[in-house]
């Protein structure tokens, strides 16, 4: 019997540092957080990439 695979935090921090422009809940979260519309968040992701820092900076937060 194989031992259960140990879960690690690897990847979680990296995932939080990104905004998935195609994920409705991530776009909604970011738009609520910054006070901008969902379409503005999507445009920012397309313009500056999916880095959360850059997206928030672009949206003026």
Protein backbone atom coordinates (compact mmCIF):
# COMPACT_ATOMS: atom_id res chain seq x y z
CA UNK A 1 0.00 0.00 0.00
CA UNK A 2 1.42 3.35 -1.04
CA UNK A 3 1.84 6.10 1.50
CA UNK A 4 -0.53 9.05 1.18
CA UNK A 5 1.00 11.96 -0.69
CA UNK A 6 1.88 14.80 1.68
CA UNK A 7 0.19 18.07 0.80
CA UNK A 8 2.50 21.05 0.61
CA UNK A 9 1.95 24.78 0.38
CA UNK A 10 4.06 24.91 -2.78
CA UNK A 11 2.11 26.69 -5.47
CA UNK A 12 -0.51 28.25 -3.23
CA UNK A 13 1.43 31.47 -2.71
CA UNK A 14 2.16 31.68 -6.42
CA UNK A 15 -1.53 31.19 -7.16
CA UNK A 16 -2.56 34.00 -4.82
CA UNK A 17 -0.15 36.34 -6.59
CA UNK A 18 -2.11 35.95 -9.85
CA UNK A 19 -5.51 37.09 -11.10
CA UNK A 20 -7.18 34.60 -13.43
CA UNK A 21 -8.98 36.86 -15.91
CA UNK A 22 -11.21 34.01 -17.08
CA UNK A 23 -12.38 33.06 -13.58
CA UNK A 24 -15.57 34.95 -12.71
CA UNK A 25 -15.04 34.71 -8.94
CA UNK A 26 -11.46 36.03 -9.13
CA UNK A 27 -12.48 38.93 -11.36
CA UNK A 28 -15.43 39.65 -9.05
CA UNK A 29 -13.22 39.57 -5.97
CA UNK A 30 -10.70 41.95 -7.52
CA UNK A 31 -13.40 44.32 -8.77
CA UNK A 32 -15.02 44.44 -5.33
CA UNK A 33 -11.62 44.94 -3.66
CA UNK A 34 -10.61 47.81 -5.95
CA UNK A 35 -14.06 49.32 -6.48
CA UNK A 36 -13.82 48.99 -10.27
CA UNK A 37 -16.02 47.10 -12.71
CA UNK A 38 -15.36 43.51 -13.72
CA UNK A 39 -14.69 44.59 -17.31
CA UNK A 40 -12.08 47.09 -16.06
CA UNK A 41 -10.35 44.28 -14.17
CA UNK A 42 -10.38 42.05 -17.28
CA UNK A 43 -8.93 44.87 -19.38
CA UNK A 44 -6.22 45.47 -16.78
CA UNK A 45 -5.32 41.76 -16.78
CA UNK A 46 -5.07 41.82 -20.56
CA UNK A 47 -3.00 45.01 -20.53
CA UNK A 48 -0.49 44.36 -17.71
CA UNK A 49 -0.63 40.58 -17.30
CA UNK A 50 -2.03 38.46 -14.50
CA UNK A 51 0.23 39.62 -11.67
CA UNK A 52 -2.05 40.79 -8.84
CA UNK A 53 0.34 43.62 -7.88
CA UNK A 54 0.44 45.00 -11.42
CA UNK A 55 -3.32 44.65 -11.89
CA UNK A 56 -4.04 46.50 -8.64
CA UNK A 57 -1.51 49.19 -9.51
CA UNK A 58 -3.10 49.60 -12.94
CA UNK A 59 -6.54 49.92 -11.35
CA UNK A 60 -5.27 52.63 -9.02
CA UNK A 61 -5.16 50.76 -5.72
